[in-house]
Amino acid sequence: MSGRILRRLLLPLVLLLPLGASAETDPETGFEIGPGWETVKNTCTACHSAKLVTQNSGSRNRWVYIIRWMQETQGLWPLPPETEDTILDYLVEHYGPKEGARRAPLPPTMMPKNPYKQEAGGSSG
């Protein structure tokens, strides 16, 4: 088969690939498949939907905070250090901070007037 014919056959297939599709995902959870994903699946989805993981992102410190919050308020059991490290490594790699996920703060000139702000020298009532 000539290169020209092969290109004509493959081009439609390439065009069917979704833009930005790079990581393979678990069809059951939507987790990106990579080192530690099964530990995350087994640990996290024991209590809640995988969506609570996949719709979030954060730094390692943020994920640690979330784990501690779940342990203190939601009944998450203590995790062995190696399991917690595996989970954190996975989360930071696949659900780490997103660039540009938050809009820039509004400049003060665009903020509405604060009705509760006391003017300097105003009466205290």
PDB file of N, CA and C in Angstrom:
ATOM      1  N   MET A   1       0.857  -1.165   0.000  1.00  0.00           N
ATOM      2  CA  MET A   1       0.000   0.000   0.000  1.00  0.00           C
ATOM      3  C   MET A   1       0.904   1.228   0.000  1.00  0.00           C
ATOM      4  N   SER A   2       0.602   2.162  -0.865  1.00  0.00           N
ATOM      5  CA  SER A   2       1.443   3.348  -0.970  1.00  0.00           C
ATOM      6  C   SER A   2       1.186   4.277   0.222  1.00  0.00           C
ATOM      7  N   GLY A   3       2.160   5.137   0.489  1.00  0.00           N
ATOM      8  CA  GLY A   3       2.038   6.101   1.579  1.00  0.00           C
ATOM      9  C   GLY A   3       0.858   7.036   1.396  1.00  0.00           C
ATOM     10  N   ARG A   4       0.595   7.389   0.141  1.00  0.00           N
ATOM     11  CA  ARG A   4      -0.514   8.293  -0.149  1.00  0.00           C
ATOM     12  C   ARG A   4      -1.860   7.662   0.219  1.00  0.00           C
ATOM     13  N   ILE A   5      -2.035   6.411  -0.133  1.00  0.00           N
ATOM     14  CA  ILE A   5      -3.280   5.700   0.186  1.00  0.00           C
ATOM     15  C   ILE A   5      -3.410   5.524   1.691  1.00  0.00           C
ATOM     16  N   LEU A   6      -2.318   5.177   2.338  1.00  0.00           N
ATOM     17  CA  LEU A   6      -2.333   4.994   3.788  1.00  0.00           C
ATOM     18  C   LEU A   6      -2.724   6.295   4.492  1.00  0.00           C
ATOM     19  N   ARG A   7      -2.170   7.418   4.054  1.00  0.00           N
ATOM     20  CA  ARG A   7      -2.519   8.712   4.642  1.00  0.00           C
ATOM     21  C   ARG A   7      -4.006   9.008   4.450  1.00  0.00           C
ATOM     22  N   ARG A   8      -4.535   8.686   3.290  1.00  0.00           N
ATOM     23  CA  ARG A   8      -5.952   8.950   3.018  1.00  0.00           C
ATOM     24  C   ARG A   8      -6.852   8.089   3.906  1.00  0.00           C
ATOM     25  N   LEU A   9      -6.384   6.910   4.270  1.00  0.00           N
ATOM     26  CA  LEU A   9      -7.168   6.042   5.150  1.00  0.00           C
ATOM     27  C   LEU A   9      -7.066   6.464   6.610  1.00  0.00           C
ATOM     28  N   LEU A  10      -5.896   6.916   7.011  1.00  0.00           N
ATOM     29  CA  LEU A  10      -5.679   7.260   8.413  1.00  0.00           C
ATOM     30  C   LEU A  10      -6.188   8.643   8.790  1.00  0.00           C
ATOM     31  N   LEU A  11      -6.188   9.584   7.862  1.00  0.00           N
ATOM     32  CA  LEU A  11      -6.600  10.942   8.177  1.00  0.00           C
ATOM     33  C   LEU A  11      -8.001  11.009   8.781  1.00  0.00           C
ATOM     34  N   PRO A  12      -9.018  10.344   8.222  1.00  0.00           N
ATOM     35  CA  PRO A  12     -10.343  10.404   8.856  1.00  0.00           C
ATOM     36  C   PRO A  12     -10.334   9.848  10.280  1.00  0.00           C
ATOM     37  N   LEU A  13      -9.527   8.845  10.550  1.00  0.00           N
ATOM     38  CA  LEU A  13      -9.453   8.290  11.899  1.00  0.00           C
ATOM     39  C   LEU A  13      -8.841   9.286  12.869  1.00  0.00           C
ATOM     40  N   VAL A  14      -7.811   9.977  12.441  1.00  0.00           N
ATOM     41  CA  VAL A  14      -7.168  10.979  13.290  1.00  0.00           C
ATOM     42  C   VAL A  14      -8.137  12.111  13.596  1.00  0.00           C
ATOM     43  N   LEU A  15      -8.932  12.498  12.631  1.00  0.00           N
ATOM     44  CA  LEU A  15      -9.887  13.580  12.831  1.00  0.00           C
ATOM     45  C   LEU A  15     -10.989  13.217  13.814  1.00  0.00           C
ATOM     46  N   LEU A  16     -11.223  11.939  14.026  1.00  0.00           N
ATOM     47  CA  LEU A  16     -12.247  11.502  14.973  1.00  0.00           C
ATOM     48  C   LEU A  16     -11.783  11.581  16.421  1.00  0.00           C
ATOM     49  N   LEU A  17     -10.477  11.671  16.659  1.00  0.00           N
ATOM     50  CA  LEU A  17      -9.968  11.755  18.018  1.00  0.00           C
ATOM     51  C   LEU A  17     -10.368  13.077  18.641  1.00  0.00           C
ATOM     52  N   PRO A  18     -10.835  13.064  19.891  1.00  0.00           N
ATOM     53  CA  PRO A  18     -11.194  14.332  20.527  1.00  0.00           C
ATOM     54  C   PRO A  18      -9.952  15.195  20.733  1.00  0.00           C
ATOM     55  N   LEU A  19     -10.137  16.495  20.565  1.00  0.00           N
ATOM     56  CA  LEU A  19      -9.018  17.400  20.784  1.00  0.00           C
ATOM     57  C   LEU A  19      -8.600  17.351  22.236  1.00  0.00           C
ATOM     58  N   GLY A  20      -7.302  17.332  22.485  1.00  0.00           N
ATOM     59  CA  GLY A  20      -6.788  17.327  23.843  1.00  0.00           C
ATOM     60  C   GLY A  20      -6.847  15.970  24.518  1.00  0.00           C
ATOM     61  N   ALA A  21      -7.317  14.948  23.831  1.00  0.00           N
ATOM     62  CA  ALA A  21      -7.380  13.631  24.448  1.00  0.00           C
ATOM     63  C   ALA A  21      -5.970  13.078  24.532  1.00  0.00           C
ATOM     64  N   SER A  22      -5.497  12.911  25.738  1.00  0.00           N
ATOM     65  CA  SER A  22      -4.141  12.409  25.873  1.00  0.00           C
ATOM     66  C   SER A  22      -4.067  11.275  26.878  1.00  0.00           C
ATOM     67  N   ALA A  23      -4.871  11.347  27.929  1.00  0.00           N
ATOM     68  CA  ALA A  23      -4.770  10.351  28.979  1.00  0.00           C
ATOM     69  C   ALA A  23      -5.892   9.323  28.841  1.00  0.00           C
ATOM     70  N   GLU A  24      -5.540   8.093  29.076  1.00  0.00           N
ATOM     71  CA  GLU A  24      -6.540   7.032  29.111  1.00  0.00           C
ATOM     72  C   GLU A  24      -7.280   7.147  30.434  1.00  0.00           C
ATOM     73  N   THR A  25      -8.588   6.942  30.409  1.00  0.00           N
ATOM     74  CA  THR A  25      -9.370   7.039  31.638  1.00  0.00           C
ATOM     75  C   THR A  25     -10.096   5.735  31.927  1.00  0.00           C
ATOM     76  N   ASP A  26     -10.331   5.517  33.200  1.00  0.00           N
ATOM     77  CA  ASP A  26     -11.096   4.367  33.654  1.00  0.00           C
ATOM     78  C   ASP A  26     -12.565   4.626  33.321  1.00  0.00           C
ATOM     79  N   PRO A  27     -13.202   3.754  32.545  1.00  0.00           N
ATOM     80  CA  PRO A  27     -14.593   4.013  32.143  1.00  0.00           C
ATOM     81  C   PRO A  27     -15.561   4.023  33.323  1.00  0.00           C
ATOM     82  N   GLU A  28     -15.234   3.333  34.388  1.00  0.00           N
ATOM     83  CA  GLU A  28     -16.137   3.263  35.543  1.00  0.00           C
ATOM     84  C   GLU A  28     -16.118   4.552  36.364  1.00  0.00           C
ATOM     85  N   THR A  29     -14.927   5.131  36.571  1.00  0.00           N
ATOM     86  CA  THR A  29     -14.799   6.289  37.452  1.00  0.00           C
ATOM     87  C   THR A  29     -14.477   7.586  36.740  1.00  0.00           C
ATOM     88  N   GLY A  30     -13.875   7.491  35.572  1.00  0.00           N
ATOM     89  CA  GLY A  30     -13.399   8.689  34.898  1.00  0.00           C
ATOM     90  C   GLY A  30     -12.007   9.096  35.343  1.00  0.00           C
ATOM     91  N   PHE A  31     -11.407   8.342  36.273  1.00  0.00           N
ATOM     92  CA  PHE A  31     -10.050   8.654  36.724  1.00  0.00           C
ATOM     93  C   PHE A  31      -9.067   8.444  35.584  1.00  0.00           C
ATOM     94  N   GLU A  32      -8.110   9.350  35.479  1.00  0.00           N
ATOM     95  CA  GLU A  32      -7.033   9.152  34.529  1.00  0.00           C
ATOM     96  C   GLU A  32      -6.193   7.977  35.022  1.00  0.00           C
ATOM     97  N   ILE A  33      -5.847   7.099  34.111  1.00  0.00           N
ATOM     98  CA  ILE A  33      -5.088   5.913  34.492  1.00  0.00           C
ATOM     99  C   ILE A  33      -3.617   6.269  34.545  1.00  0.00           C
ATOM    100  N   GLY A  34      -3.023   5.973  35.669  1.00  0.00           N
ATOM    101  CA  GLY A  34      -1.611   6.244  35.907  1.00  0.00           C
ATOM    102  C   GLY A  34      -1.224   5.616  37.223  1.00  0.00           C
ATOM    103  N   PRO A  35       0.045   5.691  37.581  1.00  0.00           N
ATOM    104  CA  PRO A  35       0.486   5.090  38.846  1.00  0.00           C
ATOM    105  C   PRO A  35      -0.354   5.591  40.020  1.00  0.00           C
ATOM    106  N   GLY A  36      -0.945   4.654  40.749  1.00  0.00           N
ATOM    107  CA  GLY A  36      -1.726   4.975  41.936  1.00  0.00           C
ATOM    108  C   GLY A  36      -3.212   5.128  41.719  1.00  0.00           C
ATOM    109  N   TRP A  37      -3.680   5.080  40.476  1.00  0.00           N
ATOM    110  CA  TRP A  37      -5.104   5.330  40.243  1.00  0.00           C
ATOM    111  C   TRP A  37      -5.997   4.290  40.901  1.00  0.00           C
ATOM    112  N   GLU A  38      -5.549   3.040  40.949  1.00  0.00           N
ATOM    113  CA  GLU A  38      -6.383   2.004  41.571  1.00  0.00           C
ATOM    114  C   GLU A  38      -6.485   2.209  43.084  1.00  0.00           C
ATOM    115  N   THR A  39      -5.407   2.691  43.707  1.00  0.00           N
ATOM    116  CA  THR A  39      -5.446   3.002  45.139  1.00  0.00           C
ATOM    117  C   THR A  39      -6.436   4.130  45.389  1.00  0.00           C
ATOM    118  N   VAL A  40      -6.408   5.143  44.542  1.00  0.00           N
ATOM    119  CA  VAL A  40      -7.353   6.255  44.669  1.00  0.00           C
ATOM    120  C   VAL A  40      -8.774   5.747  44.468  1.00  0.00           C
ATOM    121  N   LYS A  41      -8.980   4.941  43.455  1.00  0.00           N
ATOM    122  CA  LYS A  41     -10.314   4.392  43.179  1.00  0.00           C
ATOM    123  C   LYS A  41     -10.822   3.603  44.383  1.00  0.00           C
ATOM    124  N   ASN A  42     -10.001   2.703  44.905  1.00  0.00           N
ATOM    125  CA  ASN A  42     -10.436   1.848  46.008  1.00  0.00           C
ATOM    126  C   ASN A  42     -10.656   2.616  47.299  1.00  0.00           C
ATOM    127  N   THR A  43      -9.853   3.645  47.533  1.00  0.00           N
ATOM    128  CA  THR A  43      -9.952   4.406  48.779  1.00  0.00           C
ATOM    129  C   THR A  43     -11.060   5.448  48.702  1.00  0.00           C
ATOM    130  N   CYS A  44     -11.021   6.262  47.677  1.00  0.00           N
ATOM    131  CA  CYS A  44     -11.925   7.416  47.604  1.00  0.00           C
ATOM    132  C   CYS A  44     -13.366   7.033  47.306  1.00  0.00           C
ATOM    133  N   THR A  45     -13.553   6.087  46.387  1.00  0.00           N
ATOM    134  CA  THR A  45     -14.926   5.751  46.007  1.00  0.00           C
ATOM    135  C   THR A  45     -15.590   4.807  47.005  1.00  0.00           C
ATOM    136  N   ALA A  46     -14.887   4.443  48.064  1.00  0.00           N
ATOM    137  CA  ALA A  46     -15.526   3.678  49.139  1.00  0.00           C
ATOM    138  C   ALA A  46     -16.565   4.537  49.852  1.00  0.00           C
ATOM    139  N   CYS A  47     -16.381   5.866  49.806  1.00  0.00           N
ATOM    140  CA  CYS A  47     -17.288   6.773  50.518  1.00  0.00           C
ATOM    141  C   CYS A  47     -18.053   7.739  49.618  1.00  0.00           C
ATOM    142  N   HIS A  48     -17.491   8.094  48.488  1.00  0.00           N
ATOM    143  CA  HIS A  48     -18.157   9.086  47.650  1.00  0.00           C
ATOM    144  C   HIS A  48     -17.872   8.826  46.179  1.00  0.00           C
ATOM    145  N   SER A  49     -18.604   9.543  45.354  1.00  0.00           N
ATOM    146  CA  SER A  49     -18.473   9.428  43.905  1.00  0.00           C
ATOM    147  C   SER A  49     -17.085   9.872  43.450  1.00  0.00           C
ATOM    148  N   ALA A  50     -16.613   9.262  42.382  1.00  0.00           N
ATOM    149  CA  ALA A  50     -15.344   9.668  41.785  1.00  0.00           C
ATOM    150  C   ALA A  50     -15.422  11.105  41.283  1.00  0.00           C
ATOM    151  N   LYS A  51     -16.624  11.584  40.978  1.00  0.00           N
ATOM    152  CA  LYS A  51     -16.802  12.960  40.505  1.00  0.00           C
ATOM    153  C   LYS A  51     -16.273  13.972  41.512  1.00  0.00           C
ATOM    154  N   LEU A  52     -16.372  13.673  42.808  1.00  0.00           N
ATOM    155  CA  LEU A  52     -15.845  14.598  43.811  1.00  0.00           C
ATOM    156  C   LEU A  52     -14.346  14.769  43.680  1.00  0.00           C
ATOM    157  N   VAL A  53     -13.681  13.795  43.109  1.00  0.00           N
ATOM    158  CA  VAL A  53     -12.236  13.905  42.863  1.00  0.00           C
ATOM    159  C   VAL A  53     -12.003  14.587  41.523  1.00  0.00           C
ATOM    160  N   THR A  54     -12.637  14.086  40.481  1.00  0.00           N
ATOM    161  CA  THR A  54     -12.318  14.551  39.131  1.00  0.00           C
ATOM    162  C   THR A  54     -12.736  15.993  38.869  1.00  0.00           C
ATOM    163  N   GLN A  55     -13.709  16.502  39.608  1.00  0.00           N
ATOM    164  CA  GLN A  55     -14.122  17.891  39.392  1.00  0.00           C
ATOM    165  C   GLN A  55     -13.283  18.871  40.191  1.00  0.00           C
ATOM    166  N   ASN A  56     -12.366  18.370  40.998  1.00  0.00           N
ATOM    167  CA  ASN A  56     -11.522  19.225  41.816  1.00  0.00           C
ATOM    168  C   ASN A  56     -10.084  19.204  41.340  1.00  0.00           C
ATOM    169  N   SER A  57      -9.320  20.118  41.860  1.00  0.00           N
ATOM    170  CA  SER A  57      -7.896  20.167  41.574  1.00  0.00           C
ATOM    171  C   SER A  57      -7.235  20.928  42.715  1.00  0.00           C
ATOM    172  N   GLY A  58      -5.934  20.722  42.851  1.00  0.00           N
ATOM    173  CA  GLY A  58      -5.240  21.473  43.889  1.00  0.00           C
ATOM    174  C   GLY A  58      -3.804  21.030  44.054  1.00  0.00           C
ATOM    175  N   SER A  59      -3.097  21.803  44.815  1.00  0.00           N
ATOM    176  CA  SER A  59      -1.710  21.492  45.138  1.00  0.00           C
ATOM    177  C   SER A  59      -1.684  20.327  46.128  1.00  0.00           C
ATOM    178  N   ARG A  60      -0.507  19.828  46.394  1.00  0.00           N
ATOM    179  CA  ARG A  60      -0.365  18.758  47.377  1.00  0.00           C
ATOM    180  C   ARG A  60      -0.905  19.214  48.736  1.00  0.00           C
ATOM    181  N   ASN A  61      -0.581  20.449  49.124  1.00  0.00           N
ATOM    182  CA  ASN A  61      -1.083  20.965  50.399  1.00  0.00           C
ATOM    183  C   ASN A  61      -2.601  21.012  50.434  1.00  0.00           C
ATOM    184  N   ARG A  62      -3.209  21.391  49.331  1.00  0.00           N
ATOM    185  CA  ARG A  62      -4.675  21.447  49.269  1.00  0.00           C
ATOM    186  C   ARG A  62      -5.281  20.050  49.411  1.00  0.00           C
ATOM    187  N   TRP A  63      -4.698  19.058  48.720  1.00  0.00           N
ATOM    188  CA  TRP A  63      -5.209  17.692  48.833  1.00  0.00           C
ATOM    189  C   TRP A  63      -5.005  17.148  50.241  1.00  0.00           C
ATOM    190  N   VAL A  64      -3.881  17.467  50.883  1.00  0.00           N
ATOM    191  CA  VAL A  64      -3.659  17.046  52.280  1.00  0.00           C
ATOM    192  C   VAL A  64      -4.737  17.660  53.158  1.00  0.00           C
ATOM    193  N   TYR A  65      -5.009  18.939  52.957  1.00  0.00           N
ATOM    194  CA  TYR A  65      -6.052  19.616  53.731  1.00  0.00           C
ATOM    195  C   TYR A  65      -7.396  18.895  53.573  1.00  0.00           C
ATOM    196  N   ILE A  66      -7.745  18.538  52.338  1.00  0.00           N
ATOM    197  CA  ILE A  66      -9.018  17.859  52.084  1.00  0.00           C
ATOM    198  C   ILE A  66      -9.055  16.496  52.783  1.00  0.00           C
ATOM    199  N   ILE A  67      -7.952  15.756  52.713  1.00  0.00           N
ATOM    200  CA  ILE A  67      -7.893  14.452  53.388  1.00  0.00           C
ATOM    201  C   ILE A  67      -8.059  14.630  54.888  1.00  0.00           C
ATOM    202  N   ARG A  68      -7.354  15.604  55.479  1.00  0.00           N
ATOM    203  CA  ARG A  68      -7.466  15.836  56.931  1.00  0.00           C
ATOM    204  C   ARG A  68      -8.894  16.244  57.301  1.00  0.00           C
ATOM    205  N   TRP A  69      -9.506  17.084  56.467  1.00  0.00           N
ATOM    206  CA  TRP A  69     -10.880  17.493  56.722  1.00  0.00           C
ATOM    207  C   TRP A  69     -11.805  16.270  56.713  1.00  0.00           C
ATOM    208  N   MET A  70     -11.613  15.382  55.738  1.00  0.00           N
ATOM    209  CA  MET A  70     -12.443  14.173  55.676  1.00  0.00           C
ATOM    210  C   MET A  70     -12.195  13.285  56.896  1.00  0.00           C
ATOM    211  N   GLN A  71     -10.961  13.217  57.362  1.00  0.00           N
ATOM    212  CA  GLN A  71     -10.655  12.405  58.530  1.00  0.00           C
ATOM    213  C   GLN A  71     -11.267  13.011  59.798  1.00  0.00           C
ATOM    214  N   GLU A  72     -11.232  14.330  59.914  1.00  0.00           N
ATOM    215  CA  GLU A  72     -11.739  14.984  61.125  1.00  0.00           C
ATOM    216  C   GLU A  72     -13.254  15.108  61.162  1.00  0.00           C
ATOM    217  N   THR A  73     -13.890  15.216  59.993  1.00  0.00           N
ATOM    218  CA  THR A  73     -15.331  15.501  59.994  1.00  0.00           C
ATOM    219  C   THR A  73     -16.200  14.466  59.283  1.00  0.00           C
ATOM    220  N   GLN A  74     -15.607  13.641  58.419  1.00  0.00           N
ATOM    221  CA  GLN A  74     -16.418  12.760  57.593  1.00  0.00           C
ATOM    222  C   GLN A  74     -16.196  11.272  57.859  1.00  0.00           C
ATOM    223  N   GLY A  75     -15.348  10.952  58.825  1.00  0.00           N
ATOM    224  CA  GLY A  75     -15.146   9.556  59.180  1.00  0.00           C
ATOM    225  C   GLY A  75     -14.135   8.807  58.333  1.00  0.00           C
ATOM    226  N   LEU A  76     -13.313   9.530  57.575  1.00  0.00           N
ATOM    227  CA  LEU A  76     -12.267   8.837  56.817  1.00  0.00           C
ATOM    228  C   LEU A  76     -11.263   8.245  57.803  1.00  0.00           C
ATOM    229  N   TRP A  77     -10.956   6.996  57.621  1.00  0.00           N
ATOM    230  CA  TRP A  77     -10.033   6.283  58.493  1.00  0.00           C
ATOM    231  C   TRP A  77      -8.603   6.775  58.289  1.00  0.00           C
ATOM    232  N   PRO A  78      -7.736   6.547  59.280  1.00  0.00           N
ATOM    233  CA  PRO A  78      -6.322   6.915  59.108  1.00  0.00           C
ATOM    234  C   PRO A  78      -5.712   6.094  57.967  1.00  0.00           C
ATOM    235  N   LEU A  79      -4.984   6.751  57.119  1.00  0.00           N
ATOM    236  CA  LEU A  79      -4.350   6.083  55.983  1.00  0.00           C
ATOM    237  C   LEU A  79      -2.898   5.780  56.315  1.00  0.00           C
ATOM    238  N   PRO A  80      -2.423   4.579  55.988  1.00  0.00           N
ATOM    239  CA  PRO A  80      -0.997   4.310  56.155  1.00  0.00           C
ATOM    240  C   PRO A  80      -0.203   5.333  55.335  1.00  0.00           C
ATOM    241  N   PRO A  81       0.949   5.782  55.854  1.00  0.00           N
ATOM    242  CA  PRO A  81       1.720   6.823  55.146  1.00  0.00           C
ATOM    243  C   PRO A  81       2.006   6.496  53.688  1.00  0.00           C
ATOM    244  N   GLU A  82       2.333   5.235  53.372  1.00  0.00           N
ATOM    245  CA  GLU A  82       2.646   4.897  51.975  1.00  0.00           C
ATOM    246  C   GLU A  82       1.399   4.977  51.094  1.00  0.00           C
ATOM    247  N   THR A  83       0.240   4.647  51.643  1.00  0.00           N
ATOM    248  CA  THR A  83      -1.010   4.760  50.888  1.00  0.00           C
ATOM    249  C   THR A  83      -1.347   6.230  50.660  1.00  0.00           C
ATOM    250  N   GLU A  84      -1.203   7.042  51.700  1.00  0.00           N
ATOM    251  CA  GLU A  84      -1.480   8.470  51.560  1.00  0.00           C
ATOM    252  C   GLU A  84      -0.537   9.109  50.536  1.00  0.00           C
ATOM    253  N   ASP A  85       0.737   8.735  50.565  1.00  0.00           N
ATOM    254  CA  ASP A  85       1.694   9.277  49.588  1.00  0.00           C
ATOM    255  C   ASP A  85       1.321   8.875  48.166  1.00  0.00           C
ATOM    256  N   THR A  86       0.900   7.625  47.984  1.00  0.00           N
ATOM    257  CA  THR A  86       0.476   7.166  46.657  1.00  0.00           C
ATOM    258  C   THR A  86      -0.715   7.981  46.168  1.00  0.00           C
ATOM    259  N   ILE A  87      -1.683   8.187  47.046  1.00  0.00           N
ATOM    260  CA  ILE A  87      -2.878   8.958  46.703  1.00  0.00           C
ATOM    261  C   ILE A  87      -2.497  10.397  46.357  1.00  0.00           C
ATOM    262  N   LEU A  88      -1.677  11.013  47.203  1.00  0.00           N
ATOM    263  CA  LEU A  88      -1.285  12.407  46.966  1.00  0.00           C
ATOM    264  C   LEU A  88      -0.480  12.555  45.682  1.00  0.00           C
ATOM    265  N   ASP A  89       0.447  11.630  45.447  1.00  0.00           N
ATOM    266  CA  ASP A  89       1.242  11.686  44.214  1.00  0.00           C
ATOM    267  C   ASP A  89       0.328  11.628  42.996  1.00  0.00           C
ATOM    268  N   TYR A  90      -0.635  10.719  43.036  1.00  0.00           N
ATOM    269  CA  TYR A  90      -1.576  10.585  41.913  1.00  0.00           C
ATOM    270  C   TYR A  90      -2.412  11.854  41.739  1.00  0.00           C
ATOM    271  N   LEU A  91      -2.981  12.357  42.838  1.00  0.00           N
ATOM    272  CA  LEU A  91      -3.855  13.520  42.744  1.00  0.00           C
ATOM    273  C   LEU A  91      -3.123  14.746  42.219  1.00  0.00           C
ATOM    274  N   VAL A  92      -1.900  14.958  42.680  1.00  0.00           N
ATOM    275  CA  VAL A  92      -1.133  16.120  42.221  1.00  0.00           C
ATOM    276  C   VAL A  92      -0.768  15.968  40.745  1.00  0.00           C
ATOM    277  N   GLU A  93      -0.438  14.757  40.338  1.00  0.00           N
ATOM    278  CA  GLU A  93      -0.067  14.521  38.938  1.00  0.00           C
ATOM    279  C   GLU A  93      -1.253  14.709  37.993  1.00  0.00           C
ATOM    280  N   HIS A  94      -2.416  14.201  38.372  1.00  0.00           N
ATOM    281  CA  HIS A  94      -3.557  14.185  37.462  1.00  0.00           C
ATOM    282  C   HIS A  94      -4.622  15.238  37.763  1.00  0.00           C
ATOM    283  N   TYR A  95      -4.663  15.729  38.993  1.00  0.00           N
ATOM    284  CA  TYR A  95      -5.665  16.720  39.385  1.00  0.00           C
ATOM    285  C   TYR A  95      -5.004  17.838  40.184  1.00  0.00           C
ATOM    286  N   GLY A  96      -3.836  18.249  39.705  1.00  0.00           N
ATOM    287  CA  GLY A  96      -3.083  19.325  40.342  1.00  0.00           C
ATOM    288  C   GLY A  96      -3.678  20.678  40.007  1.00  0.00           C
ATOM    289  N   PRO A  97      -3.020  21.728  40.472  1.00  0.00           N
ATOM    290  CA  PRO A  97      -3.546  23.080  40.211  1.00  0.00           C
ATOM    291  C   PRO A  97      -3.715  23.331  38.718  1.00  0.00           C
ATOM    292  N   LYS A  98      -4.789  23.993  38.377  1.00  0.00           N
ATOM    293  CA  LYS A  98      -5.066  24.342  36.986  1.00  0.00           C
ATOM    294  C   LYS A  98      -4.670  25.800  36.778  1.00  0.00           C
ATOM    295  N   GLU A  99      -3.903  26.037  35.731  1.00  0.00           N
ATOM    296  CA  GLU A  99      -3.557  27.413  35.410  1.00  0.00           C
ATOM    297  C   GLU A  99      -4.784  28.122  34.887  1.00  0.00           C
ATOM    298  N   GLY A 100      -4.975  29.313  35.376  1.00  0.00           N
ATOM    299  CA  GLY A 100      -6.078  30.125  34.886  1.00  0.00           C
ATOM    300  C   GLY A 100      -7.448  29.627  35.302  1.00  0.00           C
ATOM    301  N   ALA A 101      -7.532  28.774  36.330  1.00  0.00           N
ATOM    302  CA  ALA A 101      -8.827  28.248  36.742  1.00  0.00           C
ATOM    303  C   ALA A 101      -9.654  29.311  37.463  1.00  0.00           C
ATOM    304  N   ARG A 102      -9.008  30.280  38.039  1.00  0.00           N
ATOM    305  CA  ARG A 102      -9.730  31.357  38.714  1.00  0.00           C
ATOM    306  C   ARG A 102      -9.549  32.639  37.910  1.00  0.00           C
ATOM    307  N   ARG A 103     -10.579  33.414  37.884  1.00  0.00           N
ATOM    308  CA  ARG A 103     -10.454  34.693  37.196  1.00  0.00           C
ATOM    309  C   ARG A 103      -9.644  35.633  38.070  1.00  0.00           C
ATOM    310  N   ALA A 104      -9.062  36.615  37.463  1.00  0.00           N
ATOM    311  CA  ALA A 104      -8.309  37.625  38.215  1.00  0.00           C
ATOM    312  C   ALA A 104      -9.282  38.436  39.069  1.00  0.00           C
ATOM    313  N   PRO A 105      -8.823  38.923  40.238  1.00  0.00           N
ATOM    314  CA  PRO A 105      -9.719  39.749  41.059  1.00  0.00           C
ATOM    315  C   PRO A 105     -10.133  41.017  40.308  1.00  0.00           C
ATOM    316  N   LEU A 106     -11.319  41.489  40.613  1.00  0.00           N
ATOM    317  CA  LEU A 106     -11.779  42.738  40.003  1.00  0.00           C
ATOM    318  C   LEU A 106     -10.980  43.902  40.580  1.00  0.00           C
ATOM    319  N   PRO A 107     -10.683  44.895  39.740  1.00  0.00           N
ATOM    320  CA  PRO A 107     -10.007  46.079  40.283  1.00  0.00           C
ATOM    321  C   PRO A 107     -10.981  46.839  41.183  1.00  0.00           C
ATOM    322  N   PRO A 108     -10.465  47.550  42.188  1.00  0.00           N
ATOM    323  CA  PRO A 108     -11.347  48.272  43.124  1.00  0.00           C
ATOM    324  C   PRO A 108     -12.341  49.199  42.426  1.00  0.00           C
ATOM    325  N   THR A 109     -11.970  49.756  41.286  1.00  0.00           N
ATOM    326  CA  THR A 109     -12.882  50.665  40.585  1.00  0.00           C
ATOM    327  C   THR A 109     -14.106  49.952  40.028  1.00  0.00           C
ATOM    328  N   MET A 110     -14.057  48.641  39.890  1.00  0.00           N
ATOM    329  CA  MET A 110     -15.193  47.885  39.372  1.00  0.00           C
ATOM    330  C   MET A 110     -16.053  47.271  40.477  1.00  0.00           C
ATOM    331  N   MET A 111     -15.595  47.390  41.708  1.00  0.00           N
ATOM    332  CA  MET A 111     -16.339  46.812  42.830  1.00  0.00           C
ATOM    333  C   MET A 111     -17.499  47.723  43.213  1.00  0.00           C
ATOM    334  N   PRO A 112     -18.618  47.147  43.635  1.00  0.00           N
ATOM    335  CA  PRO A 112     -19.734  47.987  44.084  1.00  0.00           C
ATOM    336  C   PRO A 112     -19.382  48.661  45.412  1.00  0.00           C
ATOM    337  N   LYS A 113     -20.056  49.738  45.708  1.00  0.00           N
ATOM    338  CA  LYS A 113     -19.834  50.435  46.965  1.00  0.00           C
ATOM    339  C   LYS A 113     -20.293  49.542  48.112  1.00  0.00           C
ATOM    340  N   ASN A 114     -19.490  49.473  49.154  1.00  0.00           N
ATOM    341  CA  ASN A 114     -19.815  48.679  50.334  1.00  0.00           C
ATOM    342  C   ASN A 114     -20.767  49.483  51.213  1.00  0.00           C
ATOM    343  N   PRO A 115     -22.012  49.043  51.388  1.00  0.00           N
ATOM    344  CA  PRO A 115     -22.964  49.808  52.178  1.00  0.00           C
ATOM    345  C   PRO A 115     -22.671  49.774  53.679  1.00  0.00           C
ATOM    346  N   TYR A 116     -21.801  48.903  54.099  1.00  0.00           N
ATOM    347  CA  TYR A 116     -21.514  48.756  55.525  1.00  0.00           C
ATOM    348  C   TYR A 116     -20.243  49.467  55.959  1.00  0.00           C
ATOM    349  N   LYS A 117     -19.497  49.979  54.995  1.00  0.00           N
ATOM    350  CA  LYS A 117     -18.216  50.609  55.300  1.00  0.00           C
ATOM    351  C   LYS A 117     -18.484  51.942  56.011  1.00  0.00           C
ATOM    352  N   GLN A 118     -17.814  52.120  57.148  1.00  0.00           N
ATOM    353  CA  GLN A 118     -17.920  53.361  57.900  1.00  0.00           C
ATOM    354  C   GLN A 118     -16.992  54.393  57.314  1.00  0.00           C
ATOM    355  N   GLU A 119     -17.486  55.569  57.051  1.00  0.00           N
ATOM    356  CA  GLU A 119     -16.666  56.651  56.544  1.00  0.00           C
ATOM    357  C   GLU A 119     -15.816  57.196  57.688  1.00  0.00           C
ATOM    358  N   ALA A 120     -14.608  57.610  57.369  1.00  0.00           N
ATOM    359  CA  ALA A 120     -13.734  58.222  58.384  1.00  0.00           C
ATOM    360  C   ALA A 120     -14.404  59.454  58.948  1.00  0.00           C
ATOM    361  N   GLY A 121     -14.432  59.562  60.303  1.00  0.00           N
ATOM    362  CA  GLY A 121     -14.998  60.726  60.955  1.00  0.00           C
ATOM    363  C   GLY A 121     -16.512  60.683  61.056  1.00  0.00           C
ATOM    364  N   GLY A 122     -17.129  59.571  60.639  1.00  0.00           N
ATOM    365  CA  GLY A 122     -18.586  59.448  60.706  1.00  0.00           C
ATOM    366  C   GLY A 122     -19.041  59.252  62.131  1.00  0.00           C
ATOM    367  N   SER A 123     -20.313  59.461  62.392  1.00  0.00           N
ATOM    368  CA  SER A 123     -20.824  59.293  63.750  1.00  0.00           C
ATOM    369  C   SER A 123     -21.007  57.833  64.051  1.00  0.00           C
ATOM    370  N   SER A 124     -20.869  57.484  65.308  1.00  0.00           N
ATOM    371  CA  SER A 124     -20.998  56.085  65.724  1.00  0.00           C
ATOM    372  C   SER A 124     -22.384  55.809  66.251  1.00  0.00           C
ATOM    373  N   GLY A 125     -23.302  56.790  66.225  1.00  0.00           N
ATOM    374  CA  GLY A 125     -24.677  56.544  66.529  1.00  0.00           C
ATOM    375  C   GLY A 125     -25.053  56.952  67.848  1.00  0.00           C
TER     376      GLY A 125
END
